[in-house]
């Protein structure tokens, strides 16, 4: 009889212990499930209109001017073209790319790509062709013919393509007020050309600083 009582007490004790462990396990699981996860940081933005593009272009340019973005660059030489590419990034994501180059002495260009999730939403290109324009051999005068191209993209599609052309003469004491010059709808949009160039440039974002050949 005593043996039976001892066995009964052991069984009850084991059952109680099991319930306590189960209860502790459930409580721990409930606590874990209630643990608030830290939100994932993202710089992704939503762009659906030209107004959105203008807004974020201004914000990105302001970040560059304030030098709050990380930057790396490389220089290159290729088939008569000499240039450099600078990548501006935040949280390891490239936000802006600036590509400047000169070619065959009388031509130079600056390409600026503004990115969302490393895809362009705005491209600005400024091309300059210069030539001699009178003067004397001691003091020659020059003329710069400048073309600005603006390409606006939303959801990876071109929604507008504008162009501005003007001339700057070295002999003119008063320089033109370029921002006041109007933009016109481009008759020969350079979106395909510039997107193809961007495709090559973004592939080289991890290239170490230094001199590169053709890319």
Foldseek 3Di string as FASTA:
>chain_A
DVVVVVVVVVVVVVVVVVVVVVVVVVVVVVVVVPDDDDDDDDPADADDDPVVVVVVVVVVVVCVVVVVWDKDKAWEAEDQKTWMKMFTHDPPATAKIWIWIAGPPFKIKIWMFGDGSLAGQKIKMKIWGKDWDDDDPVDTKMKIKIKIWMFGDHPRHTPAIWMFIDMFIPPDPDTDPVVPGDIDGDPDGCVVVVNVVSVVVVVCPVPHYYYDYDD
